[in-house]
Amino acid sequence: MRQFRPIPPEFNLGETLARRVFQIREFRNMTRKDLSRYSRLKEEKIEDIEAGVETWLSVVERQLLAKALSIEPILLQEVETRPNLGAETMYALEIELGKKILEGKTVLECPKCGGTLNCRVEQGYDIQGNVIKMAKAYCTSCAYTLR
């Protein structure tokens, strides 16, 4: 098991996820490749995080990254920012999500938190008795529901 020295209290951690991951990785004398190997996240994902492209992590990603960096997950979570999607953008995402579910995809990512969606196709009948199919999904990590 790898042993790391604790981060000293006087160490000024960055205010963004990108800066914080970079600082701690450097403090631990790790390359991106090392962090990728220890966290089991793709090296491209690490690059996106450090470049500021990814500004929030799923629960699993946060735990894997924190363990690899030998820190508490809260140190990453407190600087994460989730994208604030407007109603029109969310509506467009839900239309696409519904299409994917109706095409048979069952493993999808929540548009709000990035968690895993439980997906299913529900059958019903319209007023004329025609069969209609509806995409249904809910997130296992947050309160998001596709109805």
N, C-alpha and C. Protein backbone atom coordinates (compact mmCIF):
# COMPACT_ATOMS: atom_id res chain seq x y z
N MET A 1 0.84 -1.18 0.00
CA MET A 1 0.00 0.00 0.00
C MET A 1 0.88 1.24 0.00
N ARG A 2 0.53 2.20 -0.84
CA ARG A 2 1.31 3.42 -0.92
C ARG A 2 1.04 4.29 0.31
N GLN A 3 2.08 4.87 0.85
CA GLN A 3 1.94 5.77 1.99
C GLN A 3 2.33 7.18 1.55
N PHE A 4 1.48 8.15 1.83
CA PHE A 4 1.76 9.54 1.49
C PHE A 4 1.79 10.37 2.75
N ARG A 5 2.59 11.39 2.70
CA ARG A 5 2.57 12.32 3.83
C ARG A 5 1.32 13.19 3.73
N PRO A 6 0.75 13.62 4.84
CA PRO A 6 -0.46 14.45 4.78
C PRO A 6 -0.17 15.82 4.17
N ILE A 7 -1.21 16.41 3.62
CA ILE A 7 -1.06 17.76 3.07
C ILE A 7 -0.99 18.73 4.24
N PRO A 8 0.07 19.55 4.30
CA PRO A 8 0.20 20.48 5.44
C PRO A 8 -0.92 21.52 5.44
N PRO A 9 -1.35 21.94 6.62
CA PRO A 9 -2.44 22.92 6.72
C PRO A 9 -2.12 24.25 6.04
N GLU A 10 -0.85 24.64 5.97
CA GLU A 10 -0.49 25.92 5.35
C GLU A 10 -0.48 25.85 3.82
N PHE A 11 -0.67 24.65 3.27
CA PHE A 11 -0.73 24.47 1.82
C PHE A 11 -2.03 25.06 1.31
N ASN A 12 -1.95 26.11 0.49
CA ASN A 12 -3.14 26.79 -0.02
C ASN A 12 -3.71 26.01 -1.20
N LEU A 13 -4.81 25.32 -0.95
CA LEU A 13 -5.44 24.55 -2.02
C LEU A 13 -6.19 25.47 -2.96
N GLY A 14 -6.19 25.13 -4.24
CA GLY A 14 -6.85 25.93 -5.26
C GLY A 14 -8.35 26.02 -5.07
N GLU A 15 -8.94 27.01 -5.71
CA GLU A 15 -10.38 27.27 -5.58
C GLU A 15 -11.21 26.57 -6.64
N THR A 16 -10.55 25.89 -7.59
CA THR A 16 -11.28 25.16 -8.61
C THR A 16 -10.85 23.69 -8.57
N LEU A 17 -11.71 22.83 -9.11
CA LEU A 17 -11.38 21.41 -9.16
C LEU A 17 -10.11 21.19 -9.97
N ALA A 18 -9.98 21.89 -11.08
CA ALA A 18 -8.81 21.74 -11.95
C ALA A 18 -7.53 22.07 -11.18
N ARG A 19 -7.54 23.21 -10.52
CA ARG A 19 -6.34 23.65 -9.80
C ARG A 19 -6.02 22.72 -8.64
N ARG A 20 -7.05 22.30 -7.91
CA ARG A 20 -6.84 21.46 -6.73
C ARG A 20 -6.27 20.09 -7.11
N VAL A 21 -6.82 19.46 -8.14
CA VAL A 21 -6.32 18.15 -8.57
C VAL A 21 -4.88 18.28 -9.04
N PHE A 22 -4.59 19.32 -9.82
CA PHE A 22 -3.24 19.56 -10.30
C PHE A 22 -2.27 19.74 -9.12
N GLN A 23 -2.64 20.60 -8.17
CA GLN A 23 -1.77 20.89 -7.03
C GLN A 23 -1.47 19.63 -6.22
N ILE A 24 -2.50 18.88 -5.91
CA ILE A 24 -2.30 17.69 -5.07
C ILE A 24 -1.51 16.63 -5.83
N ARG A 25 -1.79 16.48 -7.11
CA ARG A 25 -1.03 15.52 -7.92
C ARG A 25 0.45 15.90 -7.92
N GLU A 26 0.73 17.18 -8.12
CA GLU A 26 2.12 17.65 -8.10
C GLU A 26 2.74 17.48 -6.72
N PHE A 27 1.97 17.78 -5.67
CA PHE A 27 2.46 17.63 -4.30
C PHE A 27 2.83 16.18 -4.02
N ARG A 28 2.07 15.27 -4.58
CA ARG A 28 2.31 13.83 -4.41
C ARG A 28 3.39 13.32 -5.37
N ASN A 29 3.91 14.23 -6.19
CA ASN A 29 4.96 13.88 -7.16
C ASN A 29 4.48 12.77 -8.11
N MET A 30 3.28 12.96 -8.64
CA MET A 30 2.68 11.99 -9.55
C MET A 30 2.53 12.61 -10.93
N THR A 31 2.64 11.79 -11.94
CA THR A 31 2.32 12.23 -13.30
C THR A 31 0.84 11.97 -13.54
N ARG A 32 0.32 12.49 -14.65
CA ARG A 32 -1.07 12.19 -14.99
C ARG A 32 -1.25 10.70 -15.23
N LYS A 33 -0.24 10.10 -15.81
CA LYS A 33 -0.28 8.66 -16.07
C LYS A 33 -0.36 7.88 -14.75
N ASP A 34 0.42 8.30 -13.75
CA ASP A 34 0.37 7.68 -12.43
C ASP A 34 -1.02 7.80 -11.83
N LEU A 35 -1.55 9.02 -11.87
CA LEU A 35 -2.88 9.26 -11.29
C LEU A 35 -3.94 8.44 -12.01
N SER A 36 -3.81 8.33 -13.31
CA SER A 36 -4.74 7.52 -14.10
C SER A 36 -4.67 6.05 -13.67
N ARG A 37 -3.48 5.57 -13.50
CA ARG A 37 -3.29 4.16 -13.12
C ARG A 37 -3.83 3.89 -11.72
N TYR A 38 -3.52 4.76 -10.76
CA TYR A 38 -3.96 4.55 -9.38
C TYR A 38 -5.46 4.75 -9.22
N SER A 39 -6.04 5.67 -9.99
CA SER A 39 -7.47 5.97 -9.84
C SER A 39 -8.35 5.10 -10.75
N ARG A 40 -7.75 4.47 -11.74
CA ARG A 40 -8.46 3.67 -12.75
C ARG A 40 -9.36 4.54 -13.63
N LEU A 41 -9.07 5.85 -13.67
CA LEU A 41 -9.74 6.75 -14.60
C LEU A 41 -8.85 6.89 -15.82
N LYS A 42 -9.45 7.12 -16.97
CA LYS A 42 -8.66 7.29 -18.19
C LYS A 42 -7.80 8.54 -18.07
N GLU A 43 -6.64 8.48 -18.70
CA GLU A 43 -5.73 9.63 -18.67
C GLU A 43 -6.39 10.85 -19.29
N GLU A 44 -7.22 10.65 -20.32
CA GLU A 44 -7.94 11.76 -20.95
C GLU A 44 -8.88 12.43 -19.95
N LYS A 45 -9.49 11.65 -19.07
CA LYS A 45 -10.38 12.20 -18.04
C LYS A 45 -9.58 13.08 -17.08
N ILE A 46 -8.41 12.62 -16.68
CA ILE A 46 -7.54 13.41 -15.80
C ILE A 46 -7.16 14.72 -16.49
N GLU A 47 -6.81 14.64 -17.77
CA GLU A 47 -6.46 15.84 -18.53
C GLU A 47 -7.63 16.80 -18.60
N ASP A 48 -8.84 16.29 -18.83
CA ASP A 48 -10.03 17.14 -18.89
C ASP A 48 -10.29 17.81 -17.54
N ILE A 49 -10.10 17.09 -16.46
CA ILE A 49 -10.30 17.65 -15.12
C ILE A 49 -9.31 18.78 -14.88
N GLU A 50 -8.03 18.52 -15.16
CA GLU A 50 -7.00 19.53 -14.91
C GLU A 50 -7.08 20.71 -15.87
N ALA A 51 -7.70 20.51 -17.02
CA ALA A 51 -7.86 21.62 -17.98
C ALA A 51 -9.11 22.44 -17.67
N GLY A 52 -9.92 21.98 -16.74
CA GLY A 52 -11.14 22.71 -16.39
C GLY A 52 -12.32 22.37 -17.27
N VAL A 53 -12.18 21.37 -18.13
CA VAL A 53 -13.30 20.94 -18.98
C VAL A 53 -14.34 20.22 -18.12
N GLU A 54 -13.88 19.34 -17.26
CA GLU A 54 -14.76 18.65 -16.31
C GLU A 54 -14.74 19.45 -15.00
N THR A 55 -15.91 19.90 -14.59
CA THR A 55 -15.96 20.73 -13.37
C THR A 55 -16.68 20.05 -12.22
N TRP A 56 -17.18 18.84 -12.45
CA TRP A 56 -17.80 18.06 -11.39
C TRP A 56 -17.60 16.59 -11.69
N LEU A 57 -17.66 15.77 -10.64
CA LEU A 57 -17.38 14.34 -10.76
C LEU A 57 -18.56 13.54 -10.25
N SER A 58 -18.71 12.34 -10.78
CA SER A 58 -19.71 11.44 -10.21
C SER A 58 -19.17 10.97 -8.86
N VAL A 59 -20.01 10.39 -8.07
CA VAL A 59 -19.60 9.91 -6.74
C VAL A 59 -18.45 8.91 -6.87
N VAL A 60 -18.57 7.99 -7.79
CA VAL A 60 -17.54 6.96 -7.97
C VAL A 60 -16.23 7.59 -8.43
N GLU A 61 -16.29 8.49 -9.41
CA GLU A 61 -15.07 9.14 -9.89
C GLU A 61 -14.39 9.92 -8.76
N ARG A 62 -15.20 10.62 -7.97
CA ARG A 62 -14.64 11.40 -6.86
C ARG A 62 -13.93 10.50 -5.86
N GLN A 63 -14.55 9.38 -5.52
CA GLN A 63 -13.94 8.46 -4.56
C GLN A 63 -12.66 7.84 -5.10
N LEU A 64 -12.67 7.43 -6.37
CA LEU A 64 -11.47 6.85 -6.97
C LEU A 64 -10.33 7.86 -7.02
N LEU A 65 -10.65 9.08 -7.42
CA LEU A 65 -9.64 10.13 -7.52
C LEU A 65 -9.10 10.50 -6.14
N ALA A 66 -9.98 10.63 -5.17
CA ALA A 66 -9.56 10.98 -3.81
C ALA A 66 -8.66 9.89 -3.23
N LYS A 67 -9.03 8.64 -3.45
CA LYS A 67 -8.21 7.54 -2.93
C LYS A 67 -6.83 7.56 -3.58
N ALA A 68 -6.79 7.77 -4.88
CA ALA A 68 -5.51 7.81 -5.59
C ALA A 68 -4.64 8.98 -5.12
N LEU A 69 -5.28 10.10 -4.77
CA LEU A 69 -4.55 11.27 -4.29
C LEU A 69 -4.31 11.23 -2.78
N SER A 70 -4.87 10.21 -2.13
CA SER A 70 -4.75 10.04 -0.68
C SER A 70 -5.31 11.24 0.09
N ILE A 71 -6.53 11.63 -0.29
CA ILE A 71 -7.22 12.73 0.38
C ILE A 71 -8.67 12.32 0.63
N GLU A 72 -9.36 13.10 1.42
CA GLU A 72 -10.79 12.89 1.65
C GLU A 72 -11.55 13.40 0.43
N PRO A 73 -12.60 12.69 0.00
CA PRO A 73 -13.38 13.13 -1.17
C PRO A 73 -13.97 14.53 -1.04
N ILE A 74 -14.24 14.97 0.18
CA ILE A 74 -14.83 16.30 0.39
C ILE A 74 -13.92 17.41 -0.12
N LEU A 75 -12.60 17.17 -0.13
CA LEU A 75 -11.67 18.18 -0.63
C LEU A 75 -11.88 18.44 -2.12
N LEU A 76 -12.38 17.45 -2.84
CA LEU A 76 -12.69 17.64 -4.25
C LEU A 76 -14.12 18.17 -4.41
N GLN A 77 -15.02 17.60 -3.65
CA GLN A 77 -16.44 17.95 -3.78
C GLN A 77 -16.69 19.43 -3.48
N GLU A 78 -15.97 19.99 -2.52
CA GLU A 78 -16.24 21.37 -2.13
C GLU A 78 -15.88 22.40 -3.20
N VAL A 79 -15.10 22.01 -4.21
CA VAL A 79 -14.77 22.95 -5.28
C VAL A 79 -15.40 22.56 -6.62
N GLU A 80 -16.20 21.51 -6.63
CA GLU A 80 -16.88 21.13 -7.86
C GLU A 80 -18.01 22.11 -8.16
N THR A 81 -18.22 22.36 -9.44
CA THR A 81 -19.35 23.19 -9.86
C THR A 81 -20.10 22.44 -10.94
N ARG A 82 -21.39 22.32 -10.75
CA ARG A 82 -22.23 21.64 -11.73
C ARG A 82 -22.72 22.64 -12.75
N PRO A 83 -22.79 22.22 -14.01
CA PRO A 83 -23.30 23.14 -15.02
C PRO A 83 -24.76 23.47 -14.75
N ASN A 84 -25.11 24.74 -14.91
CA ASN A 84 -26.48 25.18 -14.71
C ASN A 84 -27.17 25.20 -16.06
N LEU A 85 -27.94 24.16 -16.33
CA LEU A 85 -28.61 24.05 -17.61
C LEU A 85 -29.95 24.77 -17.57
N GLY A 86 -30.21 25.58 -18.58
CA GLY A 86 -31.49 26.27 -18.68
C GLY A 86 -32.59 25.29 -19.06
N ALA A 87 -33.85 25.74 -18.98
CA ALA A 87 -35.00 24.88 -19.26
C ALA A 87 -34.99 24.38 -20.70
N GLU A 88 -34.64 25.26 -21.64
CA GLU A 88 -34.62 24.84 -23.05
C GLU A 88 -33.55 23.79 -23.31
N THR A 89 -32.39 23.97 -22.73
CA THR A 89 -31.31 23.01 -22.90
C THR A 89 -31.69 21.68 -22.27
N MET A 90 -32.29 21.73 -21.08
CA MET A 90 -32.70 20.51 -20.40
C MET A 90 -33.78 19.78 -21.21
N TYR A 91 -34.70 20.52 -21.79
CA TYR A 91 -35.75 19.92 -22.61
C TYR A 91 -35.14 19.19 -23.80
N ALA A 92 -34.18 19.82 -24.47
CA ALA A 92 -33.51 19.20 -25.62
C ALA A 92 -32.76 17.94 -25.19
N LEU A 93 -32.10 17.98 -24.02
CA LEU A 93 -31.39 16.80 -23.52
C LEU A 93 -32.37 15.67 -23.22
N GLU A 94 -33.53 16.01 -22.66
CA GLU A 94 -34.51 14.98 -22.33
C GLU A 94 -35.11 14.35 -23.59
N ILE A 95 -35.27 15.12 -24.65
CA ILE A 95 -35.76 14.57 -25.91
C ILE A 95 -34.75 13.54 -26.43
N GLU A 96 -33.47 13.91 -26.43
CA GLU A 96 -32.42 12.99 -26.89
C GLU A 96 -32.33 11.76 -26.00
N LEU A 97 -32.45 11.98 -24.70
CA LEU A 97 -32.40 10.88 -23.74
C LEU A 97 -33.56 9.90 -23.99
N GLY A 98 -34.74 10.43 -24.21
CA GLY A 98 -35.90 9.60 -24.50
C GLY A 98 -35.71 8.79 -25.77
N LYS A 99 -35.13 9.38 -26.79
CA LYS A 99 -34.86 8.66 -28.05
C LYS A 99 -33.91 7.50 -27.81
N LYS A 100 -32.86 7.74 -27.02
CA LYS A 100 -31.88 6.69 -26.74
C LYS A 100 -32.52 5.52 -25.98
N ILE A 101 -33.38 5.85 -25.02
CA ILE A 101 -34.06 4.80 -24.26
C ILE A 101 -34.98 3.99 -25.16
N LEU A 102 -35.73 4.68 -26.03
CA LEU A 102 -36.63 3.98 -26.95
C LEU A 102 -35.86 3.13 -27.96
N GLU A 103 -34.60 3.49 -28.23
CA GLU A 103 -33.76 2.69 -29.13
C GLU A 103 -33.20 1.45 -28.42
N GLY A 104 -33.41 1.36 -27.10
CA GLY A 104 -32.97 0.19 -26.36
C GLY A 104 -31.77 0.37 -25.46
N LYS A 105 -31.23 1.57 -25.37
CA LYS A 105 -30.08 1.80 -24.50
C LYS A 105 -30.56 1.80 -23.04
N THR A 106 -29.83 1.10 -22.19
CA THR A 106 -30.23 0.99 -20.79
C THR A 106 -29.21 1.59 -19.83
N VAL A 107 -27.98 1.80 -20.28
CA VAL A 107 -26.95 2.38 -19.43
C VAL A 107 -26.69 3.80 -19.92
N LEU A 108 -27.27 4.76 -19.21
CA LEU A 108 -27.14 6.17 -19.59
C LEU A 108 -26.74 6.98 -18.37
N GLU A 109 -26.24 8.19 -18.64
CA GLU A 109 -25.77 9.09 -17.59
C GLU A 109 -26.82 10.15 -17.30
N CYS A 110 -27.00 10.46 -16.03
CA CYS A 110 -27.94 11.49 -15.62
C CYS A 110 -27.47 12.86 -16.13
N PRO A 111 -28.37 13.65 -16.75
CA PRO A 111 -27.96 14.96 -17.23
C PRO A 111 -27.71 15.98 -16.13
N LYS A 112 -28.18 15.69 -14.92
CA LYS A 112 -27.98 16.64 -13.81
C LYS A 112 -26.72 16.35 -13.01
N CYS A 113 -26.50 15.07 -12.65
CA CYS A 113 -25.38 14.77 -11.75
C CYS A 113 -24.35 13.84 -12.34
N GLY A 114 -24.64 13.22 -13.48
CA GLY A 114 -23.70 12.29 -14.07
C GLY A 114 -23.78 10.88 -13.52
N GLY A 115 -24.72 10.66 -12.58
CA GLY A 115 -24.90 9.32 -12.02
C GLY A 115 -25.54 8.38 -13.03
N THR A 116 -25.80 7.18 -12.58
CA THR A 116 -26.39 6.16 -13.45
C THR A 116 -27.91 6.29 -13.46
N LEU A 117 -28.47 6.23 -14.66
CA LEU A 117 -29.92 6.25 -14.82
C LEU A 117 -30.45 4.83 -14.92
N ASN A 118 -31.53 4.55 -14.20
CA ASN A 118 -32.28 3.31 -14.40
C ASN A 118 -33.31 3.63 -15.47
N CYS A 119 -33.24 2.92 -16.60
CA CYS A 119 -34.07 3.23 -17.76
C CYS A 119 -35.00 2.07 -18.08
N ARG A 120 -36.16 2.40 -18.63
CA ARG A 120 -37.08 1.37 -19.11
C ARG A 120 -38.01 1.98 -20.14
N VAL A 121 -38.63 1.13 -20.93
CA VAL A 121 -39.64 1.56 -21.88
C VAL A 121 -40.98 1.05 -21.36
N GLU A 122 -41.91 1.96 -21.21
CA GLU A 122 -43.24 1.61 -20.71
C GLU A 122 -44.23 1.64 -21.87
N GLN A 123 -45.08 0.64 -21.92
CA GLN A 123 -46.10 0.60 -22.97
C GLN A 123 -47.43 1.03 -22.40
N GLY A 124 -48.16 1.77 -23.20
CA GLY A 124 -49.50 2.21 -22.83
C GLY A 124 -50.37 2.25 -24.07
N TYR A 125 -51.56 2.76 -23.90
CA TYR A 125 -52.50 2.85 -25.02
C TYR A 125 -53.05 4.26 -25.09
N ASP A 126 -53.21 4.75 -26.32
CA ASP A 126 -53.84 6.05 -26.47
C ASP A 126 -55.35 5.86 -26.49
N ILE A 127 -56.09 6.94 -26.68
CA ILE A 127 -57.54 6.90 -26.59
C ILE A 127 -58.19 6.02 -27.66
N GLN A 128 -57.49 5.82 -28.80
CA GLN A 128 -58.01 4.94 -29.85
C GLN A 128 -57.58 3.48 -29.65
N GLY A 129 -56.82 3.19 -28.62
CA GLY A 129 -56.38 1.82 -28.35
C GLY A 129 -55.06 1.46 -29.01
N ASN A 130 -54.39 2.44 -29.61
CA ASN A 130 -53.08 2.18 -30.22
C ASN A 130 -52.00 2.08 -29.14
N VAL A 131 -51.08 1.15 -29.36
CA VAL A 131 -49.96 0.99 -28.42
C VAL A 131 -49.01 2.16 -28.58
N ILE A 132 -48.64 2.77 -27.46
CA ILE A 132 -47.62 3.82 -27.47
C ILE A 132 -46.51 3.43 -26.49
N LYS A 133 -45.30 3.81 -26.82
CA LYS A 133 -44.16 3.51 -25.96
C LYS A 133 -43.64 4.81 -25.39
N MET A 134 -43.32 4.78 -24.09
CA MET A 134 -42.82 5.96 -23.40
C MET A 134 -41.51 5.63 -22.69
N ALA A 135 -40.57 6.53 -22.81
CA ALA A 135 -39.27 6.37 -22.14
C ALA A 135 -39.41 6.85 -20.69
N LYS A 136 -38.93 6.04 -19.77
CA LYS A 136 -38.94 6.39 -18.35
C LYS A 136 -37.54 6.18 -17.80
N ALA A 137 -37.12 7.04 -16.88
CA ALA A 137 -35.80 6.90 -16.27
C ALA A 137 -35.77 7.66 -14.95
N TYR A 138 -34.95 7.17 -14.05
CA TYR A 138 -34.67 7.92 -12.83
C TYR A 138 -33.21 7.70 -12.44
N CYS A 139 -32.66 8.68 -11.79
CA CYS A 139 -31.26 8.65 -11.39
C CYS A 139 -31.09 7.93 -10.06
N THR A 140 -30.04 7.15 -9.96
CA THR A 140 -29.75 6.44 -8.71
C THR A 140 -29.00 7.31 -7.71
N SER A 141 -28.54 8.50 -8.15
CA SER A 141 -27.75 9.37 -7.27
C SER A 141 -28.44 10.66 -6.86
N CYS A 142 -29.34 11.17 -7.71
CA CYS A 142 -30.03 12.41 -7.36
C CYS A 142 -31.53 12.23 -7.61
N ALA A 143 -32.29 13.29 -7.54
CA ALA A 143 -33.74 13.21 -7.66
C ALA A 143 -34.25 13.34 -9.09
N TYR A 144 -33.36 13.28 -10.07
CA TYR A 144 -33.77 13.45 -11.46
C TYR A 144 -34.67 12.32 -11.93
N THR A 145 -35.77 12.67 -12.63
CA THR A 145 -36.70 11.70 -13.19
C THR A 145 -37.10 12.15 -14.57
N LEU A 146 -37.09 11.20 -15.52
CA LEU A 146 -37.60 11.45 -16.88
C LEU A 146 -38.96 10.79 -16.94
N ARG A 147 -39.99 11.58 -17.17
CA ARG A 147 -41.36 11.04 -17.21
C ARG A 147 -41.95 11.14 -18.57
